[in-house]
Protein backbone atom coordinates (compact mmCIF):
# COMPACT_ATOMS: atom_id res chain seq x y z
CA UNK A 1 0.00 0.00 0.00
CA UNK A 2 1.90 3.01 -1.30
CA UNK A 3 1.38 6.64 -0.49
CA UNK A 4 -0.14 7.34 -3.89
CA UNK A 5 -2.70 4.54 -3.98
CA UNK A 6 -6.37 5.33 -4.55
CA UNK A 7 -7.43 3.51 -1.36
CA UNK A 8 -5.16 5.67 0.74
CA UNK A 9 -6.73 8.88 -0.59
CA UNK A 10 -10.28 7.52 -0.28
CA UNK A 11 -9.69 6.71 3.40
CA UNK A 12 -8.20 10.16 3.99
CA UNK A 13 -11.20 11.77 2.24
CA UNK A 14 -13.68 9.81 4.37
CA UNK A 15 -11.88 10.80 7.58
CA UNK A 16 -11.79 14.48 6.58
CA UNK A 17 -15.52 14.45 5.72
CA UNK A 18 -16.34 12.76 9.03
CA UNK A 19 -14.29 15.30 11.01
CA UNK A 20 -15.36 18.51 9.30
CA UNK A 21 -18.66 17.64 7.66
CA UNK A 22 -19.72 18.46 4.13
CA UNK A 23 -21.22 21.86 5.00
CA UNK A 24 -17.98 23.23 6.43
CA UNK A 25 -15.90 21.78 3.59
CA UNK A 26 -18.24 23.36 1.04
CA UNK A 27 -17.95 26.79 2.66
CA UNK A 28 -14.15 26.51 2.89
CA UNK A 29 -13.94 25.55 -0.78
CA UNK A 30 -16.21 28.47 -1.74
CA UNK A 31 -14.09 30.91 0.27
CA UNK A 32 -10.91 29.60 -1.32
CA UNK A 33 -12.38 29.85 -4.81
CA UNK A 34 -13.53 33.43 -4.15
CA UNK A 35 -10.09 34.40 -2.88
CA UNK A 36 -8.40 32.96 -5.97
CA UNK A 37 -10.88 34.68 -8.27
CA UNK A 38 -10.32 38.02 -6.50
CA UNK A 39 -6.56 37.60 -6.72
CA UNK A 40 -6.70 36.88 -10.46
CA UNK A 41 -8.97 39.88 -11.03
CA UNK A 42 -6.65 42.17 -9.10
CA UNK A 43 -3.64 40.94 -11.07
CA UNK A 44 -5.40 41.51 -14.40
CA UNK A 45 -6.64 44.97 -13.37
CA UNK A 46 -3.14 45.94 -12.30
CA UNK A 47 -1.63 44.88 -15.65
CA UNK A 48 -4.32 46.60 -17.75
CA UNK A 49 -3.99 50.04 -16.13
CA UNK A 50 -0.79 51.91 -16.95
CA UNK A 51 0.41 54.33 -14.33
CA UNK A 52 -1.26 57.75 -14.50
CA UNK A 53 1.97 59.70 -14.70
CA UNK A 54 5.18 58.56 -16.35
CA UNK A 55 8.08 58.15 -14.01
CA UNK A 56 10.59 60.97 -14.00
CA UNK A 57 14.30 60.54 -13.64
CA UNK A 58 15.75 62.69 -10.92
CA UNK A 59 18.91 64.41 -12.00
CA UNK A 60 21.49 65.65 -9.57
CA UNK A 61 25.04 66.90 -9.75
CA UNK A 62 26.04 64.71 -6.83
CA UNK A 63 26.84 61.05 -7.48
CA UNK A 64 24.58 58.44 -5.91
CA UNK A 65 27.49 56.49 -4.49
CA UNK A 66 31.24 56.55 -4.36
CA UNK A 67 33.20 53.99 -6.31
CA UNK A 68 36.76 53.68 -5.00
CA UNK A 69 37.85 51.56 -7.98
CA UNK A 70 36.90 54.38 -10.36
CA UNK A 71 38.97 56.86 -8.34
CA UNK A 72 41.96 54.51 -8.63
CA UNK A 73 41.45 54.17 -12.39
CA UNK A 74 41.43 57.97 -12.85
CA UNK A 75 44.62 58.38 -10.86
CA UNK A 76 46.40 55.76 -12.99
CA UNK A 77 45.39 57.26 -16.30
CA UNK A 78 46.22 60.85 -15.36
PDB file of N, CA and C in Angstrom:
ATOM      1  N   UNK A   1       0.841  -1.168   0.000  1.00  0.00           N
ATOM      2  CA  UNK A   1       0.000   0.000   0.000  1.00  0.00           C
ATOM      3  C   UNK A   1       0.887   1.232   0.000  1.00  0.00           C
ATOM      4  N   UNK A   2       1.054   1.839  -1.159  1.00  0.00           N
ATOM      5  CA  UNK A   2       1.903   3.007  -1.295  1.00  0.00           C
ATOM      6  C   UNK A   2       1.175   4.289  -0.933  1.00  0.00           C
ATOM      7  N   UNK A   3       1.925   5.344  -0.866  1.00  0.00           N
ATOM      8  CA  UNK A   3       1.378   6.642  -0.490  1.00  0.00           C
ATOM      9  C   UNK A   3       0.447   7.196  -1.560  1.00  0.00           C
ATOM     10  N   UNK A   4       0.653   6.813  -2.795  1.00  0.00           N
ATOM     11  CA  UNK A   4      -0.138   7.341  -3.889  1.00  0.00           C
ATOM     12  C   UNK A   4      -1.298   6.459  -4.316  1.00  0.00           C
ATOM     13  N   UNK A   5      -1.625   5.438  -3.544  1.00  0.00           N
ATOM     14  CA  UNK A   5      -2.697   4.539  -3.980  1.00  0.00           C
ATOM     15  C   UNK A   5      -4.058   5.201  -3.796  1.00  0.00           C
ATOM     16  N   UNK A   6      -5.025   4.761  -4.579  1.00  0.00           N
ATOM     17  CA  UNK A   6      -6.368   5.328  -4.549  1.00  0.00           C
ATOM     18  C   UNK A   6      -7.051   5.035  -3.216  1.00  0.00           C
ATOM     19  N   UNK A   7      -6.785   3.875  -2.637  1.00  0.00           N
ATOM     20  CA  UNK A   7      -7.426   3.513  -1.363  1.00  0.00           C
ATOM     21  C   UNK A   7      -6.962   4.416  -0.232  1.00  0.00           C
ATOM     22  N   UNK A   8      -5.707   4.763  -0.269  1.00  0.00           N
ATOM     23  CA  UNK A   8      -5.164   5.675   0.744  1.00  0.00           C
ATOM     24  C   UNK A   8      -5.915   7.006   0.712  1.00  0.00           C
ATOM     25  N   UNK A   9      -6.073   7.570  -0.469  1.00  0.00           N
ATOM     26  CA  UNK A   9      -6.729   8.875  -0.594  1.00  0.00           C
ATOM     27  C   UNK A   9      -8.223   8.799  -0.299  1.00  0.00           C
ATOM     28  N   UNK A  10      -8.871   7.678  -0.622  1.00  0.00           N
ATOM     29  CA  UNK A  10     -10.283   7.518  -0.276  1.00  0.00           C
ATOM     30  C   UNK A  10     -10.487   7.476   1.235  1.00  0.00           C
ATOM     31  N   UNK A  11      -9.604   6.769   1.938  1.00  0.00           N
ATOM     32  CA  UNK A  11      -9.694   6.708   3.396  1.00  0.00           C
ATOM     33  C   UNK A  11      -9.459   8.091   4.007  1.00  0.00           C
ATOM     34  N   UNK A  12      -8.469   8.812   3.496  1.00  0.00           N
ATOM     35  CA  UNK A  12      -8.198  10.164   3.989  1.00  0.00           C
ATOM     36  C   UNK A  12      -9.399  11.070   3.735  1.00  0.00           C
ATOM     37  N   UNK A  13     -10.021  10.968   2.568  1.00  0.00           N
ATOM     38  CA  UNK A  13     -11.198  11.772   2.244  1.00  0.00           C
ATOM     39  C   UNK A  13     -12.358  11.475   3.180  1.00  0.00           C
ATOM     40  N   UNK A  14     -12.601  10.197   3.461  1.00  0.00           N
ATOM     41  CA  UNK A  14     -13.685   9.811   4.370  1.00  0.00           C
ATOM     42  C   UNK A  14     -13.429  10.368   5.768  1.00  0.00           C
ATOM     43  N   UNK A  15     -12.205  10.294   6.241  1.00  0.00           N
ATOM     44  CA  UNK A  15     -11.876  10.800   7.583  1.00  0.00           C
ATOM     45  C   UNK A  15     -12.071  12.315   7.642  1.00  0.00           C
ATOM     46  N   UNK A  16     -11.642  13.025   6.608  1.00  0.00           N
ATOM     47  CA  UNK A  16     -11.795  14.484   6.580  1.00  0.00           C
ATOM     48  C   UNK A  16     -13.268  14.863   6.565  1.00  0.00           C
ATOM     49  N   UNK A  17     -14.083  14.162   5.782  1.00  0.00           N
ATOM     50  CA  UNK A  17     -15.521  14.451   5.725  1.00  0.00           C
ATOM     51  C   UNK A  17     -16.170  14.159   7.067  1.00  0.00           C
ATOM     52  N   UNK A  18     -15.764  13.086   7.728  1.00  0.00           N
ATOM     53  CA  UNK A  18     -16.336  12.763   9.034  1.00  0.00           C
ATOM     54  C   UNK A  18     -15.961  13.806  10.088  1.00  0.00           C
ATOM     55  N   UNK A  19     -14.743  14.314  10.016  1.00  0.00           N
ATOM     56  CA  UNK A  19     -14.292  15.297  11.014  1.00  0.00           C
ATOM     57  C   UNK A  19     -14.950  16.650  10.790  1.00  0.00           C
ATOM     58  N   UNK A  20     -14.908  17.146   9.566  1.00  0.00           N
ATOM     59  CA  UNK A  20     -15.358  18.511   9.302  1.00  0.00           C
ATOM     60  C   UNK A  20     -16.797  18.600   8.827  1.00  0.00           C
ATOM     61  N   UNK A  21     -17.307  17.589   8.195  1.00  0.00           N
ATOM     62  CA  UNK A  21     -18.659  17.640   7.657  1.00  0.00           C
ATOM     63  C   UNK A  21     -18.679  18.296   6.289  1.00  0.00           C
ATOM     64  N   UNK A  22     -19.676  17.957   5.501  1.00  0.00           N
ATOM     65  CA  UNK A  22     -19.724  18.455   4.126  1.00  0.00           C
ATOM     66  C   UNK A  22     -20.048  19.942   4.072  1.00  0.00           C
ATOM     67  N   UNK A  23     -20.834  20.445   5.018  1.00  0.00           N
ATOM     68  CA  UNK A  23     -21.221  21.855   5.001  1.00  0.00           C
ATOM     69  C   UNK A  23     -20.004  22.756   5.200  1.00  0.00           C
ATOM     70  N   UNK A  24     -19.171  22.417   6.167  1.00  0.00           N
ATOM     71  CA  UNK A  24     -17.984  23.226   6.431  1.00  0.00           C
ATOM     72  C   UNK A  24     -16.987  23.130   5.272  1.00  0.00           C
ATOM     73  N   UNK A  25     -16.821  21.938   4.718  1.00  0.00           N
ATOM     74  CA  UNK A  25     -15.899  21.784   3.586  1.00  0.00           C
ATOM     75  C   UNK A  25     -16.375  22.580   2.377  1.00  0.00           C
ATOM     76  N   UNK A  26     -17.691  22.605   2.163  1.00  0.00           N
ATOM     77  CA  UNK A  26     -18.239  23.358   1.039  1.00  0.00           C
ATOM     78  C   UNK A  26     -17.992  24.857   1.222  1.00  0.00           C
ATOM     79  N   UNK A  27     -18.171  25.361   2.425  1.00  0.00           N
ATOM     80  CA  UNK A  27     -17.945  26.793   2.663  1.00  0.00           C
ATOM     81  C   UNK A  27     -16.463  27.148   2.548  1.00  0.00           C
ATOM     82  N   UNK A  28     -15.592  26.258   3.019  1.00  0.00           N
ATOM     83  CA  UNK A  28     -14.148  26.510   2.894  1.00  0.00           C
ATOM     84  C   UNK A  28     -13.747  26.529   1.426  1.00  0.00           C
ATOM     85  N   UNK A  29     -14.268  25.597   0.641  1.00  0.00           N
ATOM     86  CA  UNK A  29     -13.940  25.547  -0.781  1.00  0.00           C
ATOM     87  C   UNK A  29     -14.461  26.786  -1.501  1.00  0.00           C
ATOM     88  N   UNK A  30     -15.655  27.255  -1.133  1.00  0.00           N
ATOM     89  CA  UNK A  30     -16.207  28.469  -1.739  1.00  0.00           C
ATOM     90  C   UNK A  30     -15.373  29.697  -1.399  1.00  0.00           C
ATOM     91  N   UNK A  31     -14.932  29.791  -0.144  1.00  0.00           N
ATOM     92  CA  UNK A  31     -14.085  30.915   0.269  1.00  0.00           C
ATOM     93  C   UNK A  31     -12.751  30.897  -0.471  1.00  0.00           C
ATOM     94  N   UNK A  32     -12.181  29.717  -0.617  1.00  0.00           N
ATOM     95  CA  UNK A  32     -10.906  29.596  -1.315  1.00  0.00           C
ATOM     96  C   UNK A  32     -11.061  29.965  -2.785  1.00  0.00           C
ATOM     97  N   UNK A  33     -12.133  29.510  -3.407  1.00  0.00           N
ATOM     98  CA  UNK A  33     -12.376  29.854  -4.810  1.00  0.00           C
ATOM     99  C   UNK A  33     -12.592  31.347  -4.995  1.00  0.00           C
ATOM    100  N   UNK A  34     -13.325  31.981  -4.082  1.00  0.00           N
ATOM    101  CA  UNK A  34     -13.535  33.425  -4.153  1.00  0.00           C
ATOM    102  C   UNK A  34     -12.237  34.201  -3.980  1.00  0.00           C
ATOM    103  N   UNK A  35     -11.379  33.727  -3.095  1.00  0.00           N
ATOM    104  CA  UNK A  35     -10.094  34.398  -2.882  1.00  0.00           C
ATOM    105  C   UNK A  35      -9.215  34.290  -4.120  1.00  0.00           C
ATOM    106  N   UNK A  36      -9.200  33.134  -4.754  1.00  0.00           N
ATOM    107  CA  UNK A  36      -8.398  32.957  -5.966  1.00  0.00           C
ATOM    108  C   UNK A  36      -8.943  33.819  -7.094  1.00  0.00           C
ATOM    109  N   UNK A  37     -10.263  33.867  -7.226  1.00  0.00           N
ATOM    110  CA  UNK A  37     -10.883  34.681  -8.266  1.00  0.00           C
ATOM    111  C   UNK A  37     -10.571  36.165  -8.053  1.00  0.00           C
ATOM    112  N   UNK A  38     -10.649  36.624  -6.813  1.00  0.00           N
ATOM    113  CA  UNK A  38     -10.323  38.016  -6.498  1.00  0.00           C
ATOM    114  C   UNK A  38      -8.867  38.338  -6.771  1.00  0.00           C
ATOM    115  N   UNK A  39      -7.978  37.401  -6.460  1.00  0.00           N
ATOM    116  CA  UNK A  39      -6.558  37.603  -6.719  1.00  0.00           C
ATOM    117  C   UNK A  39      -6.282  37.712  -8.218  1.00  0.00           C
ATOM    118  N   UNK A  40      -6.888  36.826  -9.003  1.00  0.00           N
ATOM    119  CA  UNK A  40      -6.695  36.881 -10.457  1.00  0.00           C
ATOM    120  C   UNK A  40      -7.231  38.178 -11.037  1.00  0.00           C
ATOM    121  N   UNK A  41      -8.386  38.636 -10.552  1.00  0.00           N
ATOM    122  CA  UNK A  41      -8.973  39.880 -11.034  1.00  0.00           C
ATOM    123  C   UNK A  41      -8.076  41.064 -10.701  1.00  0.00           C
ATOM    124  N   UNK A  42      -7.548  41.083  -9.498  1.00  0.00           N
ATOM    125  CA  UNK A  42      -6.650  42.171  -9.097  1.00  0.00           C
ATOM    126  C   UNK A  42      -5.374  42.177  -9.936  1.00  0.00           C
ATOM    127  N   UNK A  43      -4.856  41.008 -10.244  1.00  0.00           N
ATOM    128  CA  UNK A  43      -3.642  40.937 -11.066  1.00  0.00           C
ATOM    129  C   UNK A  43      -3.923  41.429 -12.478  1.00  0.00           C
ATOM    130  N   UNK A  44      -5.059  41.065 -13.052  1.00  0.00           N
ATOM    131  CA  UNK A  44      -5.403  41.511 -14.398  1.00  0.00           C
ATOM    132  C   UNK A  44      -5.681  43.005 -14.438  1.00  0.00           C
ATOM    133  N   UNK A  45      -6.367  43.531 -13.424  1.00  0.00           N
ATOM    134  CA  UNK A  45      -6.640  44.968 -13.372  1.00  0.00           C
ATOM    135  C   UNK A  45      -5.350  45.763 -13.257  1.00  0.00           C
ATOM    136  N   UNK A  46      -4.408  45.251 -12.504  1.00  0.00           N
ATOM    137  CA  UNK A  46      -3.139  45.944 -12.302  1.00  0.00           C
ATOM    138  C   UNK A  46      -2.330  45.988 -13.599  1.00  0.00           C
ATOM    139  N   UNK A  47      -2.378  44.923 -14.393  1.00  0.00           N
ATOM    140  CA  UNK A  47      -1.628  44.882 -15.645  1.00  0.00           C
ATOM    141  C   UNK A  47      -2.280  45.745 -16.726  1.00  0.00           C
ATOM    142  N   UNK A  48      -3.608  45.849 -16.715  1.00  0.00           N
ATOM    143  CA  UNK A  48      -4.319  46.597 -17.747  1.00  0.00           C
ATOM    144  C   UNK A  48      -4.146  48.100 -17.598  1.00  0.00           C
ATOM    145  N   UNK A  49      -4.076  48.598 -16.371  1.00  0.00           N
ATOM    146  CA  UNK A  49      -3.988  50.036 -16.132  1.00  0.00           C
ATOM    147  C   UNK A  49      -2.545  50.496 -16.109  1.00  0.00           C
ATOM    148  N   UNK A  50      -2.128  51.333 -17.060  1.00  0.00           N
ATOM    149  CA  UNK A  50      -0.789  51.906 -16.947  1.00  0.00           C
ATOM    150  C   UNK A  50      -0.805  52.979 -15.866  1.00  0.00           C
ATOM    151  N   UNK A  51       0.356  53.316 -15.376  1.00  0.00           N
ATOM    152  CA  UNK A  51       0.411  54.331 -14.330  1.00  0.00           C
ATOM    153  C   UNK A  51      -0.051  55.672 -14.895  1.00  0.00           C
ATOM    154  N   UNK A  52      -0.673  56.482 -14.065  1.00  0.00           N
ATOM    155  CA  UNK A  52      -1.262  57.748 -14.503  1.00  0.00           C
ATOM    156  C   UNK A  52      -0.195  58.725 -14.992  1.00  0.00           C
ATOM    157  N   UNK A  53       0.916  58.784 -14.302  1.00  0.00           N
ATOM    158  CA  UNK A  53       1.975  59.698 -14.696  1.00  0.00           C
ATOM    159  C   UNK A  53       3.233  58.896 -15.002  1.00  0.00           C
ATOM    160  N   UNK A  54       3.924  59.271 -16.061  1.00  0.00           N
ATOM    161  CA  UNK A  54       5.179  58.561 -16.347  1.00  0.00           C
ATOM    162  C   UNK A  54       6.207  58.877 -15.266  1.00  0.00           C
ATOM    163  N   UNK A  55       7.064  57.953 -15.027  1.00  0.00           N
ATOM    164  CA  UNK A  55       8.084  58.153 -14.014  1.00  0.00           C
ATOM    165  C   UNK A  55       9.141  59.114 -14.525  1.00  0.00           C
ATOM    166  N   UNK A  56       9.574  59.998 -13.650  1.00  0.00           N
ATOM    167  CA  UNK A  56      10.594  60.974 -14.001  1.00  0.00           C
ATOM    168  C   UNK A  56      11.925  60.543 -13.415  1.00  0.00           C
ATOM    169  N   UNK A  57      12.958  60.822 -14.141  1.00  0.00           N
ATOM    170  CA  UNK A  57      14.296  60.538 -13.638  1.00  0.00           C
ATOM    171  C   UNK A  57      14.793  61.774 -12.909  1.00  0.00           C
ATOM    172  N   UNK A  58      15.219  61.580 -11.696  1.00  0.00           N
ATOM    173  CA  UNK A  58      15.751  62.687 -10.915  1.00  0.00           C
ATOM    174  C   UNK A  58      17.205  62.889 -11.289  1.00  0.00           C
ATOM    175  N   UNK A  59      17.529  64.119 -11.621  1.00  0.00           N
ATOM    176  CA  UNK A  59      18.910  64.411 -12.002  1.00  0.00           C
ATOM    177  C   UNK A  59      19.545  65.267 -10.931  1.00  0.00           C
ATOM    178  N   UNK A  60      20.762  64.943 -10.602  1.00  0.00           N
ATOM    179  CA  UNK A  60      21.487  65.650  -9.565  1.00  0.00           C
ATOM    180  C   UNK A  60      22.949  65.730  -9.966  1.00  0.00           C
ATOM    181  N   UNK A  61      23.610  66.750  -9.477  1.00  0.00           N
ATOM    182  CA  UNK A  61      25.038  66.903  -9.751  1.00  0.00           C
ATOM    183  C   UNK A  61      25.867  65.964  -8.873  1.00  0.00           C
ATOM    184  N   UNK A  62      25.323  65.576  -7.750  1.00  0.00           N
ATOM    185  CA  UNK A  62      26.042  64.709  -6.835  1.00  0.00           C
ATOM    186  C   UNK A  62      25.882  63.256  -7.251  1.00  0.00           C
ATOM    187  N   UNK A  63      26.952  62.478  -7.145  1.00  0.00           N
ATOM    188  CA  UNK A  63      26.838  61.054  -7.480  1.00  0.00           C
ATOM    189  C   UNK A  63      26.017  60.320  -6.427  1.00  0.00           C
ATOM    190  N   UNK A  64      25.379  59.242  -6.834  1.00  0.00           N
ATOM    191  CA  UNK A  64      24.578  58.445  -5.912  1.00  0.00           C
ATOM    192  C   UNK A  64      25.449  57.707  -4.902  1.00  0.00           C
ATOM    193  N   UNK A  65      26.596  57.246  -5.358  1.00  0.00           N
ATOM    194  CA  UNK A  65      27.489  56.490  -4.490  1.00  0.00           C
ATOM    195  C   UNK A  65      28.927  56.731  -4.922  1.00  0.00           C
ATOM    196  N   UNK A  66      29.829  56.427  -4.020  1.00  0.00           N
ATOM    197  CA  UNK A  66      31.244  56.553  -4.355  1.00  0.00           C
ATOM    198  C   UNK A  66      31.776  55.194  -4.777  1.00  0.00           C
ATOM    199  N   UNK A  67      32.599  55.212  -5.805  1.00  0.00           N
ATOM    200  CA  UNK A  67      33.203  53.991  -6.305  1.00  0.00           C
ATOM    201  C   UNK A  67      34.716  54.126  -6.198  1.00  0.00           C
ATOM    202  N   UNK A  68      35.312  53.528  -5.188  1.00  0.00           N
ATOM    203  CA  UNK A  68      36.763  53.676  -4.999  1.00  0.00           C
ATOM    204  C   UNK A  68      37.564  53.148  -6.181  1.00  0.00           C
ATOM    205  N   UNK A  69      37.087  52.110  -6.850  1.00  0.00           N
ATOM    206  CA  UNK A  69      37.852  51.564  -7.975  1.00  0.00           C
ATOM    207  C   UNK A  69      37.900  52.551  -9.137  1.00  0.00           C
ATOM    208  N   UNK A  70      36.874  53.372  -9.301  1.00  0.00           N
ATOM    209  CA  UNK A  70      36.897  54.379 -10.358  1.00  0.00           C
ATOM    210  C   UNK A  70      37.882  55.496 -10.017  1.00  0.00           C
ATOM    211  N   UNK A  71      38.000  55.847  -8.734  1.00  0.00           N
ATOM    212  CA  UNK A  71      38.971  56.858  -8.341  1.00  0.00           C
ATOM    213  C   UNK A  71      40.379  56.369  -8.631  1.00  0.00           C
ATOM    214  N   UNK A  72      40.624  55.091  -8.364  1.00  0.00           N
ATOM    215  CA  UNK A  72      41.956  54.514  -8.627  1.00  0.00           C
ATOM    216  C   UNK A  72      42.247  54.483 -10.112  1.00  0.00           C
ATOM    217  N   UNK A  73      41.249  54.206 -10.936  1.00  0.00           N
ATOM    218  CA  UNK A  73      41.452  54.172 -12.386  1.00  0.00           C
ATOM    219  C   UNK A  73      41.783  55.557 -12.911  1.00  0.00           C
ATOM    220  N   UNK A  74      41.158  56.613 -12.405  1.00  0.00           N
ATOM    221  CA  UNK A  74      41.427  57.970 -12.853  1.00  0.00           C
ATOM    222  C   UNK A  74      42.836  58.394 -12.472  1.00  0.00           C
ATOM    223  N   UNK A  75      43.277  57.993 -11.294  1.00  0.00           N
ATOM    224  CA  UNK A  75      44.621  58.384 -10.859  1.00  0.00           C
ATOM    225  C   UNK A  75      45.692  57.673 -11.682  1.00  0.00           C
ATOM    226  N   UNK A  76      45.426  56.486 -12.157  1.00  0.00           N
ATOM    227  CA  UNK A  76      46.401  55.765 -12.986  1.00  0.00           C
ATOM    228  C   UNK A  76      46.508  56.358 -14.379  1.00  0.00           C
ATOM    229  N   UNK A  77      45.368  56.775 -14.925  1.00  0.00           N
ATOM    230  CA  UNK A  77      45.388  57.256 -16.304  1.00  0.00           C
ATOM    231  C   UNK A  77      45.901  58.696 -16.396  1.00  0.00           C
ATOM    232  N   UNK A  78      45.882  59.443 -15.312  1.00  0.00           N
ATOM    233  CA  UNK A  78      46.221  60.850 -15.360  1.00  0.00           C
ATOM    234  C   UNK A  78      47.528  61.178 -14.868  1.00  0.00           C
TER     235      UNK A  78
END
